[in-house]
């Protein structure tokens, strides 16, 4: 199943990529029907149609994201996970969520790689 519609998300993706892909070591790759972003091999988050899912936010940040932006749990193949879809209606919304994306990136920078 495809969770990411390139046509609907073109402006949001351009805005997201313009900032995130300038950060050292960050790449994007389509995976599992989404557009995923990595620092080295660590997930930062992924774009889905009309939203972004951020990985491994602190409990405090997760509560703040939910309160500030709303959203819903991410569902894949009928399973509801702990990940949260933060809604993005347009490029302006990307700027609002970017501080949380940056926190996740900085956490990935300081976490040693598993061997």
PDB file of N, CA and C in Angstrom:
ATOM      1  N   UNK A   1       0.845  -1.189   0.000  1.00  0.00           N
ATOM      2  CA  UNK A   1       0.000   0.000   0.000  1.00  0.00           C
ATOM      3  C   UNK A   1       0.885   1.245   0.000  1.00  0.00           C
ATOM      4  N   UNK A   2       0.442   2.252  -0.685  1.00  0.00           N
ATOM      5  CA  UNK A   2       1.183   3.499  -0.787  1.00  0.00           C
ATOM      6  C   UNK A   2       0.576   4.521   0.168  1.00  0.00           C
ATOM      7  N   UNK A   3       1.413   5.073   1.035  1.00  0.00           N
ATOM      8  CA  UNK A   3       0.961   6.040   2.031  1.00  0.00           C
ATOM      9  C   UNK A   3       1.328   7.469   1.650  1.00  0.00           C
ATOM     10  N   UNK A   4       2.053   7.613   0.550  1.00  0.00           N
ATOM     11  CA  UNK A   4       2.572   8.912   0.148  1.00  0.00           C
ATOM     12  C   UNK A   4       2.212   9.187  -1.304  1.00  0.00           C
ATOM     13  N   UNK A   5       1.475  10.276  -1.551  1.00  0.00           N
ATOM     14  CA  UNK A   5       1.087  10.673  -2.898  1.00  0.00           C
ATOM     15  C   UNK A   5       1.973  11.851  -3.320  1.00  0.00           C
ATOM     16  N   UNK A   6       2.889  11.595  -4.249  1.00  0.00           N
ATOM     17  CA  UNK A   6       3.859  12.605  -4.694  1.00  0.00           C
ATOM     18  C   UNK A   6       3.175  13.852  -5.267  1.00  0.00           C
ATOM     19  N   UNK A   7       2.103  13.652  -6.015  1.00  0.00           N
ATOM     20  CA  UNK A   7       1.416  14.781  -6.646  1.00  0.00           C
ATOM     21  C   UNK A   7       0.786  15.715  -5.617  1.00  0.00           C
ATOM     22  N   UNK A   8       0.118  15.154  -4.619  1.00  0.00           N
ATOM     23  CA  UNK A   8      -0.520  15.973  -3.588  1.00  0.00           C
ATOM     24  C   UNK A   8       0.506  16.672  -2.699  1.00  0.00           C
ATOM     25  N   UNK A   9       1.667  16.066  -2.556  1.00  0.00           N
ATOM     26  CA  UNK A   9       2.652  16.537  -1.575  1.00  0.00           C
ATOM     27  C   UNK A   9       3.806  17.319  -2.194  1.00  0.00           C
ATOM     28  N   UNK A  10       3.744  17.642  -3.468  1.00  0.00           N
ATOM     29  CA  UNK A  10       4.883  18.245  -4.160  1.00  0.00           C
ATOM     30  C   UNK A  10       5.379  19.526  -3.477  1.00  0.00           C
ATOM     31  N   UNK A  11       4.488  20.446  -3.108  1.00  0.00           N
ATOM     32  CA  UNK A  11       4.914  21.700  -2.486  1.00  0.00           C
ATOM     33  C   UNK A  11       5.445  21.480  -1.071  1.00  0.00           C
ATOM     34  N   UNK A  12       4.779  20.617  -0.332  1.00  0.00           N
ATOM     35  CA  UNK A  12       5.236  20.298   1.024  1.00  0.00           C
ATOM     36  C   UNK A  12       6.593  19.622   0.971  1.00  0.00           C
ATOM     37  N   UNK A  13       6.765  18.670   0.064  1.00  0.00           N
ATOM     38  CA  UNK A  13       8.048  17.983  -0.047  1.00  0.00           C
ATOM     39  C   UNK A  13       9.168  18.952  -0.418  1.00  0.00           C
ATOM     40  N   UNK A  14       8.913  19.859  -1.350  1.00  0.00           N
ATOM     41  CA  UNK A  14       9.943  20.838  -1.741  1.00  0.00           C
ATOM     42  C   UNK A  14      10.371  21.679  -0.548  1.00  0.00           C
ATOM     43  N   UNK A  15       9.410  22.134   0.238  1.00  0.00           N
ATOM     44  CA  UNK A  15       9.717  22.950   1.416  1.00  0.00           C
ATOM     45  C   UNK A  15      10.476  22.127   2.453  1.00  0.00           C
ATOM     46  N   UNK A  16      10.033  20.911   2.694  1.00  0.00           N
ATOM     47  CA  UNK A  16      10.678  20.021   3.660  1.00  0.00           C
ATOM     48  C   UNK A  16      12.111  19.720   3.213  1.00  0.00           C
ATOM     49  N   UNK A  17      12.261  19.326   1.945  1.00  0.00           N
ATOM     50  CA  UNK A  17      13.585  18.987   1.407  1.00  0.00           C
ATOM     51  C   UNK A  17      14.539  20.173   1.417  1.00  0.00           C
ATOM     52  N   UNK A  18      14.020  21.377   1.132  1.00  0.00           N
ATOM     53  CA  UNK A  18      14.868  22.568   1.064  1.00  0.00           C
ATOM     54  C   UNK A  18      15.624  22.801   2.366  1.00  0.00           C
ATOM     55  N   UNK A  19      15.031  22.402   3.478  1.00  0.00           N
ATOM     56  CA  UNK A  19      15.735  22.570   4.751  1.00  0.00           C
ATOM     57  C   UNK A  19      16.433  21.279   5.193  1.00  0.00           C
ATOM     58  N   UNK A  20      15.693  20.212   5.277  1.00  0.00           N
ATOM     59  CA  UNK A  20      16.213  18.977   5.874  1.00  0.00           C
ATOM     60  C   UNK A  20      17.385  18.392   5.081  1.00  0.00           C
ATOM     61  N   UNK A  21      17.304  18.439   3.773  1.00  0.00           N
ATOM     62  CA  UNK A  21      18.379  17.826   2.979  1.00  0.00           C
ATOM     63  C   UNK A  21      19.653  18.667   2.959  1.00  0.00           C
ATOM     64  N   UNK A  22      19.621  19.850   3.561  1.00  0.00           N
ATOM     65  CA  UNK A  22      20.852  20.643   3.685  1.00  0.00           C
ATOM     66  C   UNK A  22      21.612  20.283   4.956  1.00  0.00           C
ATOM     67  N   UNK A  23      20.975  19.547   5.860  1.00  0.00           N
ATOM     68  CA  UNK A  23      21.641  19.152   7.091  1.00  0.00           C
ATOM     69  C   UNK A  23      22.639  18.039   6.790  1.00  0.00           C
ATOM     70  N   UNK A  24      23.788  18.122   7.394  1.00  0.00           N
ATOM     71  CA  UNK A  24      24.869  17.168   7.133  1.00  0.00           C
ATOM     72  C   UNK A  24      24.414  15.721   7.392  1.00  0.00           C
ATOM     73  N   UNK A  25      24.618  14.871   6.377  1.00  0.00           N
ATOM     74  CA  UNK A  25      24.341  13.446   6.516  1.00  0.00           C
ATOM     75  C   UNK A  25      22.902  13.029   6.280  1.00  0.00           C
ATOM     76  N   UNK A  26      22.008  13.962   5.957  1.00  0.00           N
ATOM     77  CA  UNK A  26      20.595  13.612   5.778  1.00  0.00           C
ATOM     78  C   UNK A  26      20.318  13.258   4.322  1.00  0.00           C
ATOM     79  N   UNK A  27      19.610  12.159   4.131  1.00  0.00           N
ATOM     80  CA  UNK A  27      19.194  11.711   2.806  1.00  0.00           C
ATOM     81  C   UNK A  27      17.720  11.314   2.864  1.00  0.00           C
ATOM     82  N   UNK A  28      17.106  11.216   1.696  1.00  0.00           N
ATOM     83  CA  UNK A  28      15.725  10.733   1.637  1.00  0.00           C
ATOM     84  C   UNK A  28      15.677   9.539   0.699  1.00  0.00           C
ATOM     85  N   UNK A  29      14.681   8.681   0.959  1.00  0.00           N
ATOM     86  CA  UNK A  29      14.543   7.471   0.153  1.00  0.00           C
ATOM     87  C   UNK A  29      13.104   6.975   0.282  1.00  0.00           C
ATOM     88  N   UNK A  30      12.461   6.637  -0.845  1.00  0.00           N
ATOM     89  CA  UNK A  30      11.126   6.044  -0.737  1.00  0.00           C
ATOM     90  C   UNK A  30      11.226   4.624  -0.167  1.00  0.00           C
ATOM     91  N   UNK A  31      10.443   4.357   0.842  1.00  0.00           N
ATOM     92  CA  UNK A  31      10.410   3.032   1.469  1.00  0.00           C
ATOM     93  C   UNK A  31       9.019   2.782   2.036  1.00  0.00           C
ATOM     94  N   UNK A  32       8.561   1.565   1.955  1.00  0.00           N
ATOM     95  CA  UNK A  32       7.310   1.138   2.576  1.00  0.00           C
ATOM     96  C   UNK A  32       6.138   2.040   2.208  1.00  0.00           C
ATOM     97  N   UNK A  33       6.145   2.616   1.013  1.00  0.00           N
ATOM     98  CA  UNK A  33       5.056   3.464   0.565  1.00  0.00           C
ATOM     99  C   UNK A  33       5.099   4.879   1.106  1.00  0.00           C
ATOM    100  N   UNK A  34       6.230   5.277   1.719  1.00  0.00           N
ATOM    101  CA  UNK A  34       6.397   6.614   2.292  1.00  0.00           C
ATOM    102  C   UNK A  34       7.703   7.199   1.763  1.00  0.00           C
ATOM    103  N   UNK A  35       7.915   8.487   1.993  1.00  0.00           N
ATOM    104  CA  UNK A  35       9.197   9.114   1.675  1.00  0.00           C
ATOM    105  C   UNK A  35       9.933   9.302   2.994  1.00  0.00           C
ATOM    106  N   UNK A  36      10.983   8.516   3.197  1.00  0.00           N
ATOM    107  CA  UNK A  36      11.685   8.456   4.476  1.00  0.00           C
ATOM    108  C   UNK A  36      12.937   9.327   4.467  1.00  0.00           C
ATOM    109  N   UNK A  37      13.267   9.878   5.628  1.00  0.00           N
ATOM    110  CA  UNK A  37      14.438  10.720   5.813  1.00  0.00           C
ATOM    111  C   UNK A  37      15.329  10.098   6.877  1.00  0.00           C
ATOM    112  N   UNK A  38      16.638  10.084   6.572  1.00  0.00           N
ATOM    113  CA  UNK A  38      17.609   9.441   7.446  1.00  0.00           C
ATOM    114  C   UNK A  38      18.780  10.356   7.732  1.00  0.00           C
ATOM    115  N   UNK A  39      19.353  10.200   8.912  1.00  0.00           N
ATOM    116  CA  UNK A  39      20.698  10.710   9.185  1.00  0.00           C
ATOM    117  C   UNK A  39      21.543   9.454   9.251  1.00  0.00           C
ATOM    118  N   UNK A  40      22.491   9.338   8.331  1.00  0.00           N
ATOM    119  CA  UNK A  40      23.215   8.083   8.130  1.00  0.00           C
ATOM    120  C   UNK A  40      22.169   6.993   7.958  1.00  0.00           C
ATOM    121  N   UNK A  41      22.090   6.031   8.840  1.00  0.00           N
ATOM    122  CA  UNK A  41      21.076   4.994   8.679  1.00  0.00           C
ATOM    123  C   UNK A  41      19.986   5.084   9.739  1.00  0.00           C
ATOM    124  N   UNK A  42      19.916   6.191  10.436  1.00  0.00           N
ATOM    125  CA  UNK A  42      18.920   6.379  11.497  1.00  0.00           C
ATOM    126  C   UNK A  42      17.735   7.165  10.948  1.00  0.00           C
ATOM    127  N   UNK A  43      16.536   6.625  11.183  1.00  0.00           N
ATOM    128  CA  UNK A  43      15.316   7.310  10.771  1.00  0.00           C
ATOM    129  C   UNK A  43      15.184   8.642  11.497  1.00  0.00           C
ATOM    130  N   UNK A  44      14.871   9.685  10.751  1.00  0.00           N
ATOM    131  CA  UNK A  44      14.471  10.957  11.348  1.00  0.00           C
ATOM    132  C   UNK A  44      12.946  11.008  11.346  1.00  0.00           C
ATOM    133  N   UNK A  45      12.364  10.671  10.208  1.00  0.00           N
ATOM    134  CA  UNK A  45      10.914  10.671  10.065  1.00  0.00           C
ATOM    135  C   UNK A  45      10.544  10.363   8.638  1.00  0.00           C
ATOM    136  N   UNK A  46       9.268  10.446   8.345  1.00  0.00           N
ATOM    137  CA  UNK A  46       8.844  10.199   6.971  1.00  0.00           C
ATOM    138  C   UNK A  46       7.589  10.985   6.643  1.00  0.00           C
ATOM    139  N   UNK A  47       7.499  11.356   5.367  1.00  0.00           N
ATOM    140  CA  UNK A  47       6.321  12.054   4.865  1.00  0.00           C
ATOM    141  C   UNK A  47       5.288  11.039   4.414  1.00  0.00           C
ATOM    142  N   UNK A  48       4.058  11.306   4.769  1.00  0.00           N
ATOM    143  CA  UNK A  48       2.912  10.550   4.279  1.00  0.00           C
ATOM    144  C   UNK A  48       1.979  11.585   3.662  1.00  0.00           C
ATOM    145  N   UNK A  49       0.978  11.160   2.931  1.00  0.00           N
ATOM    146  CA  UNK A  49       0.057  12.107   2.328  1.00  0.00           C
ATOM    147  C   UNK A  49      -0.596  12.951   3.423  1.00  0.00           C
ATOM    148  N   UNK A  50      -0.442  14.262   3.305  1.00  0.00           N
ATOM    149  CA  UNK A  50      -1.004  15.242   4.236  1.00  0.00           C
ATOM    150  C   UNK A  50      -0.423  15.182   5.649  1.00  0.00           C
ATOM    151  N   UNK A  51       0.810  14.672   5.793  1.00  0.00           N
ATOM    152  CA  UNK A  51       1.391  14.649   7.128  1.00  0.00           C
ATOM    153  C   UNK A  51       2.843  14.241   7.163  1.00  0.00           C
ATOM    154  N   UNK A  52       3.390  14.327   8.357  1.00  0.00           N
ATOM    155  CA  UNK A  52       4.755  13.887   8.625  1.00  0.00           C
ATOM    156  C   UNK A  52       4.726  13.055   9.902  1.00  0.00           C
ATOM    157  N   UNK A  53       5.543  12.013   9.926  1.00  0.00           N
ATOM    158  CA  UNK A  53       5.694  11.166  11.104  1.00  0.00           C
ATOM    159  C   UNK A  53       7.122  11.332  11.580  1.00  0.00           C
ATOM    160  N   UNK A  54       7.286  11.773  12.821  1.00  0.00           N
ATOM    161  CA  UNK A  54       8.616  11.981  13.382  1.00  0.00           C
ATOM    162  C   UNK A  54       8.971  10.818  14.299  1.00  0.00           C
ATOM    163  N   UNK A  55      10.188  10.358  14.185  1.00  0.00           N
ATOM    164  CA  UNK A  55      10.627   9.191  14.935  1.00  0.00           C
ATOM    165  C   UNK A  55      11.199   9.585  16.290  1.00  0.00           C
ATOM    166  N   UNK A  56      10.928   8.760  17.286  1.00  0.00           N
ATOM    167  CA  UNK A  56      11.580   8.804  18.586  1.00  0.00           C
ATOM    168  C   UNK A  56      11.640  10.183  19.237  1.00  0.00           C
ATOM    169  N   UNK A  57      10.533  10.892  19.220  1.00  0.00           N
ATOM    170  CA  UNK A  57      10.477  12.157  19.948  1.00  0.00           C
ATOM    171  C   UNK A  57      10.389  11.853  21.439  1.00  0.00           C
ATOM    172  N   UNK A  58      10.896  12.759  22.259  1.00  0.00           N
ATOM    173  CA  UNK A  58      10.756  12.593  23.700  1.00  0.00           C
ATOM    174  C   UNK A  58       9.272  12.648  24.043  1.00  0.00           C
ATOM    175  N   UNK A  59       8.920  12.121  25.195  1.00  0.00           N
ATOM    176  CA  UNK A  59       7.525  12.128  25.635  1.00  0.00           C
ATOM    177  C   UNK A  59       6.980  13.562  25.691  1.00  0.00           C
ATOM    178  N   UNK A  60       7.799  14.481  26.190  1.00  0.00           N
ATOM    179  CA  UNK A  60       7.403  15.896  26.285  1.00  0.00           C
ATOM    180  C   UNK A  60       7.143  16.477  24.897  1.00  0.00           C
ATOM    181  N   UNK A  61       8.068  16.234  23.963  1.00  0.00           N
ATOM    182  CA  UNK A  61       7.900  16.750  22.604  1.00  0.00           C
ATOM    183  C   UNK A  61       6.704  16.118  21.913  1.00  0.00           C
ATOM    184  N   UNK A  62       6.500  14.823  22.143  1.00  0.00           N
ATOM    185  CA  UNK A  62       5.361  14.131  21.540  1.00  0.00           C
ATOM    186  C   UNK A  62       4.048  14.754  22.021  1.00  0.00           C
ATOM    187  N   UNK A  63       3.949  15.040  23.314  1.00  0.00           N
ATOM    188  CA  UNK A  63       2.735  15.669  23.857  1.00  0.00           C
ATOM    189  C   UNK A  63       2.541  17.060  23.269  1.00  0.00           C
ATOM    190  N   UNK A  64       3.643  17.805  23.120  1.00  0.00           N
ATOM    191  CA  UNK A  64       3.561  19.153  22.562  1.00  0.00           C
ATOM    192  C   UNK A  64       3.101  19.128  21.102  1.00  0.00           C
ATOM    193  N   UNK A  65       3.632  18.187  20.323  1.00  0.00           N
ATOM    194  CA  UNK A  65       3.243  18.047  18.919  1.00  0.00           C
ATOM    195  C   UNK A  65       1.747  17.720  18.825  1.00  0.00           C
ATOM    196  N   UNK A  66       1.287  16.791  19.647  1.00  0.00           N
ATOM    197  CA  UNK A  66      -0.129  16.408  19.622  1.00  0.00           C
ATOM    198  C   UNK A  66      -1.029  17.582  20.000  1.00  0.00           C
ATOM    199  N   UNK A  67      -0.629  18.323  21.041  1.00  0.00           N
ATOM    200  CA  UNK A  67      -1.447  19.448  21.496  1.00  0.00           C
ATOM    201  C   UNK A  67      -1.449  20.588  20.477  1.00  0.00           C
ATOM    202  N   UNK A  68      -0.297  20.859  19.878  1.00  0.00           N
ATOM    203  CA  UNK A  68      -0.148  21.990  18.971  1.00  0.00           C
ATOM    204  C   UNK A  68      -0.743  21.740  17.587  1.00  0.00           C
ATOM    205  N   UNK A  69      -0.542  20.520  17.063  1.00  0.00           N
ATOM    206  CA  UNK A  69      -0.914  20.235  15.673  1.00  0.00           C
ATOM    207  C   UNK A  69      -2.061  19.244  15.519  1.00  0.00           C
ATOM    208  N   UNK A  70      -2.392  18.513  16.565  1.00  0.00           N
ATOM    209  CA  UNK A  70      -3.407  17.467  16.430  1.00  0.00           C
ATOM    210  C   UNK A  70      -2.803  16.268  15.718  1.00  0.00           C
ATOM    211  N   UNK A  71      -3.601  15.596  14.943  1.00  0.00           N
ATOM    212  CA  UNK A  71      -3.111  14.442  14.203  1.00  0.00           C
ATOM    213  C   UNK A  71      -3.784  13.167  14.627  1.00  0.00           C
ATOM    214  N   UNK A  72      -3.139  12.063  14.269  1.00  0.00           N
ATOM    215  CA  UNK A  72      -3.702  10.744  14.571  1.00  0.00           C
ATOM    216  C   UNK A  72      -2.570   9.724  14.588  1.00  0.00           C
ATOM    217  N   UNK A  73      -2.821   8.569  15.195  1.00  0.00           N
ATOM    218  CA  UNK A  73      -1.808   7.511  15.171  1.00  0.00           C
ATOM    219  C   UNK A  73      -1.582   7.015  13.743  1.00  0.00           C
ATOM    220  N   UNK A  74      -0.353   6.633  13.444  1.00  0.00           N
ATOM    221  CA  UNK A  74      -0.020   6.105  12.121  1.00  0.00           C
ATOM    222  C   UNK A  74      -0.497   4.664  12.017  1.00  0.00           C
ATOM    223  N   UNK A  75      -1.198   4.370  10.935  1.00  0.00           N
ATOM    224  CA  UNK A  75      -1.697   3.020  10.700  1.00  0.00           C
ATOM    225  C   UNK A  75      -1.044   2.444   9.452  1.00  0.00           C
ATOM    226  N   UNK A  76      -0.557   1.209   9.580  1.00  0.00           N
ATOM    227  CA  UNK A  76       0.051   0.516   8.447  1.00  0.00           C
ATOM    228  C   UNK A  76      -0.471  -0.913   8.438  1.00  0.00           C
ATOM    229  N   UNK A  77      -0.992  -1.325   7.320  1.00  0.00           N
ATOM    230  CA  UNK A  77      -1.559  -2.667   7.121  1.00  0.00           C
ATOM    231  C   UNK A  77      -2.503  -3.072   8.250  1.00  0.00           C
ATOM    232  N   UNK A  78      -3.375  -2.140   8.636  1.00  0.00           N
ATOM    233  CA  UNK A  78      -4.374  -2.435   9.651  1.00  0.00           C
ATOM    234  C   UNK A  78      -3.873  -2.367  11.087  1.00  0.00           C
ATOM    235  N   UNK A  79      -2.588  -2.136  11.280  1.00  0.00           N
ATOM    236  CA  UNK A  79      -2.005  -2.044  12.618  1.00  0.00           C
ATOM    237  C   UNK A  79      -1.814  -0.574  12.990  1.00  0.00           C
ATOM    238  N   UNK A  80      -2.199  -0.217  14.199  1.00  0.00           N
ATOM    239  CA  UNK A  80      -1.988   1.133  14.687  1.00  0.00           C
ATOM    240  C   UNK A  80      -0.765   1.124  15.581  1.00  0.00           C
ATOM    241  N   UNK A  81       0.195   1.971  15.235  1.00  0.00           N
ATOM    242  CA  UNK A  81       1.442   2.005  15.999  1.00  0.00           C
ATOM    243  C   UNK A  81       1.487   3.160  16.967  1.00  0.00           C
ATOM    244  N   UNK A  82       2.624   3.297  17.627  1.00  0.00           N
ATOM    245  CA  UNK A  82       2.831   4.381  18.582  1.00  0.00           C
ATOM    246  C   UNK A  82       3.240   5.668  17.873  1.00  0.00           C
ATOM    247  N   UNK A  83       3.599   5.581  16.596  1.00  0.00           N
ATOM    248  CA  UNK A  83       4.013   6.769  15.849  1.00  0.00           C
ATOM    249  C   UNK A  83       2.805   7.650  15.574  1.00  0.00           C
ATOM    250  N   UNK A  84       3.047   8.944  15.474  1.00  0.00           N
ATOM    251  CA  UNK A  84       1.982   9.928  15.348  1.00  0.00           C
ATOM    252  C   UNK A  84       2.105  10.679  14.031  1.00  0.00           C
ATOM    253  N   UNK A  85       1.015  10.776  13.290  1.00  0.00           N
ATOM    254  CA  UNK A  85       0.981  11.543  12.044  1.00  0.00           C
ATOM    255  C   UNK A  85       0.598  12.975  12.384  1.00  0.00           C
ATOM    256  N   UNK A  86       1.520  13.895  12.146  1.00  0.00           N
ATOM    257  CA  UNK A  86       1.264  15.313  12.345  1.00  0.00           C
ATOM    258  C   UNK A  86       0.777  15.888  11.022  1.00  0.00           C
ATOM    259  N   UNK A  87      -0.416  16.475  10.994  1.00  0.00           N
ATOM    260  CA  UNK A  87      -0.972  16.952   9.725  1.00  0.00           C
ATOM    261  C   UNK A  87      -0.187  18.124   9.136  1.00  0.00           C
ATOM    262  N   UNK A  88      -0.045  18.094   7.816  1.00  0.00           N
ATOM    263  CA  UNK A  88       0.561  19.188   7.051  1.00  0.00           C
ATOM    264  C   UNK A  88      -0.388  19.517   5.912  1.00  0.00           C
ATOM    265  N   UNK A  89      -0.930  20.730   5.939  1.00  0.00           N
ATOM    266  CA  UNK A  89      -1.854  21.136   4.874  1.00  0.00           C
ATOM    267  C   UNK A  89      -1.152  21.887   3.765  1.00  0.00           C
ATOM    268  N   UNK A  90       0.015  22.465   4.077  1.00  0.00           N
ATOM    269  CA  UNK A  90       0.742  23.227   3.074  1.00  0.00           C
ATOM    270  C   UNK A  90       2.145  23.554   3.558  1.00  0.00           C
ATOM    271  N   UNK A  91       2.941  24.209   2.717  1.00  0.00           N
ATOM    272  CA  UNK A  91       4.322  24.536   3.065  1.00  0.00           C
ATOM    273  C   UNK A  91       4.463  25.342   4.355  1.00  0.00           C
ATOM    274  N   UNK A  92       3.480  26.159   4.659  1.00  0.00           N
ATOM    275  CA  UNK A  92       3.535  26.951   5.893  1.00  0.00           C
ATOM    276  C   UNK A  92       3.550  26.049   7.137  1.00  0.00           C
ATOM    277  N   UNK A  93       2.816  24.943   7.086  1.00  0.00           N
ATOM    278  CA  UNK A  93       2.782  23.994   8.200  1.00  0.00           C
ATOM    279  C   UNK A  93       4.138  23.326   8.410  1.00  0.00           C
ATOM    280  N   UNK A  94       4.892  23.153   7.330  1.00  0.00           N
ATOM    281  CA  UNK A  94       6.221  22.529   7.437  1.00  0.00           C
ATOM    282  C   UNK A  94       7.113  23.372   8.336  1.00  0.00           C
ATOM    283  N   UNK A  95       7.071  24.672   8.170  1.00  0.00           N
ATOM    284  CA  UNK A  95       7.901  25.565   9.000  1.00  0.00           C
ATOM    285  C   UNK A  95       7.552  25.427  10.476  1.00  0.00           C
ATOM    286  N   UNK A  96       6.286  25.224  10.786  1.00  0.00           N
ATOM    287  CA  UNK A  96       5.846  25.099  12.178  1.00  0.00           C
ATOM    288  C   UNK A  96       6.361  23.828  12.845  1.00  0.00           C
ATOM    289  N   UNK A  97       6.443  22.754  12.082  1.00  0.00           N
ATOM    290  CA  UNK A  97       6.855  21.469  12.644  1.00  0.00           C
ATOM    291  C   UNK A  97       8.384  21.272  12.602  1.00  0.00           C
ATOM    292  N   UNK A  98       9.073  22.121  11.858  1.00  0.00           N
ATOM    293  CA  UNK A  98      10.513  21.951  11.652  1.00  0.00           C
ATOM    294  C   UNK A  98      11.342  21.932  12.950  1.00  0.00           C
ATOM    295  N   UNK A  99      10.995  22.700  14.001  1.00  0.00           N
ATOM    296  CA  UNK A  99      11.785  22.589  15.235  1.00  0.00           C
ATOM    297  C   UNK A  99      11.799  21.165  15.816  1.00  0.00           C
ATOM    298  N   UNK A 100      10.700  20.435  15.651  1.00  0.00           N
ATOM    299  CA  UNK A 100      10.642  19.060  16.147  1.00  0.00           C
ATOM    300  C   UNK A 100      11.461  18.121  15.257  1.00  0.00           C
ATOM    301  N   UNK A 101      11.458  18.391  13.960  1.00  0.00           N
ATOM    302  CA  UNK A 101      12.277  17.610  13.032  1.00  0.00           C
ATOM    303  C   UNK A 101      13.757  17.822  13.373  1.00  0.00           C
ATOM    304  N   UNK A 102      14.105  19.067  13.644  1.00  0.00           N
ATOM    305  CA  UNK A 102      15.492  19.403  13.981  1.00  0.00           C
ATOM    306  C   UNK A 102      15.920  18.715  15.283  1.00  0.00           C
ATOM    307  N   UNK A 103      15.028  18.657  16.266  1.00  0.00           N
ATOM    308  CA  UNK A 103      15.349  17.966  17.527  1.00  0.00           C
ATOM    309  C   UNK A 103      15.641  16.496  17.277  1.00  0.00           C
ATOM    310  N   UNK A 104      14.848  15.881  16.424  1.00  0.00           N
ATOM    311  CA  UNK A 104      15.070  14.463  16.107  1.00  0.00           C
ATOM    312  C   UNK A 104      16.404  14.276  15.397  1.00  0.00           C
ATOM    313  N   UNK A 105      16.721  15.159  14.476  1.00  0.00           N
ATOM    314  CA  UNK A 105      18.011  15.112  13.771  1.00  0.00           C
ATOM    315  C   UNK A 105      19.157  15.249  14.768  1.00  0.00           C
ATOM    316  N   UNK A 106      19.074  16.218  15.663  1.00  0.00           N
ATOM    317  CA  UNK A 106      20.143  16.428  16.642  1.00  0.00           C
ATOM    318  C   UNK A 106      20.294  15.232  17.574  1.00  0.00           C
ATOM    319  N   UNK A 107      19.190  14.594  17.920  1.00  0.00           N
ATOM    320  CA  UNK A 107      19.258  13.380  18.742  1.00  0.00           C
ATOM    321  C   UNK A 107      19.961  12.255  17.979  1.00  0.00           C
ATOM    322  N   UNK A 108      19.669  12.146  16.692  1.00  0.00           N
ATOM    323  CA  UNK A 108      20.319  11.119  15.868  1.00  0.00           C
ATOM    324  C   UNK A 108      21.822  11.386  15.744  1.00  0.00           C
ATOM    325  N   UNK A 109      22.199  12.665  15.701  1.00  0.00           N
ATOM    326  CA  UNK A 109      23.615  13.025  15.624  1.00  0.00           C
ATOM    327  C   UNK A 109      24.399  12.543  16.823  1.00  0.00           C
ATOM    328  N   UNK A 110      23.786  12.630  17.998  1.00  0.00           N
ATOM    329  CA  UNK A 110      24.493  12.315  19.232  1.00  0.00           C
ATOM    330  C   UNK A 110      24.355  10.865  19.667  1.00  0.00           C
ATOM    331  N   UNK A 111      23.504  10.099  19.003  1.00  0.00           N
ATOM    332  CA  UNK A 111      23.330   8.690  19.349  1.00  0.00           C
ATOM    333  C   UNK A 111      24.351   7.855  18.593  1.00  0.00           C
ATOM    334  N   UNK A 112      25.181   7.091  19.317  1.00  0.00           N
ATOM    335  CA  UNK A 112      26.182   6.272  18.617  1.00  0.00           C
ATOM    336  C   UNK A 112      25.512   5.173  17.788  1.00  0.00           C
ATOM    337  N   UNK A 113      26.160   4.833  16.681  1.00  0.00           N
ATOM    338  CA  UNK A 113      25.636   3.762  15.828  1.00  0.00           C
ATOM    339  C   UNK A 113      25.800   2.413  16.493  1.00  0.00           C
ATOM    340  N   UNK A 114      24.835   1.534  16.249  1.00  0.00           N
ATOM    341  CA  UNK A 114      24.926   0.171  16.760  1.00  0.00           C
ATOM    342  C   UNK A 114      25.906  -0.610  15.907  1.00  0.00           C
ATOM    343  N   UNK A 115      26.648  -1.475  16.548  1.00  0.00           N
ATOM    344  CA  UNK A 115      27.614  -2.290  15.787  1.00  0.00           C
ATOM    345  C   UNK A 115      27.177  -3.719  15.722  1.00  0.00           C
TER     346      UNK A 115
END
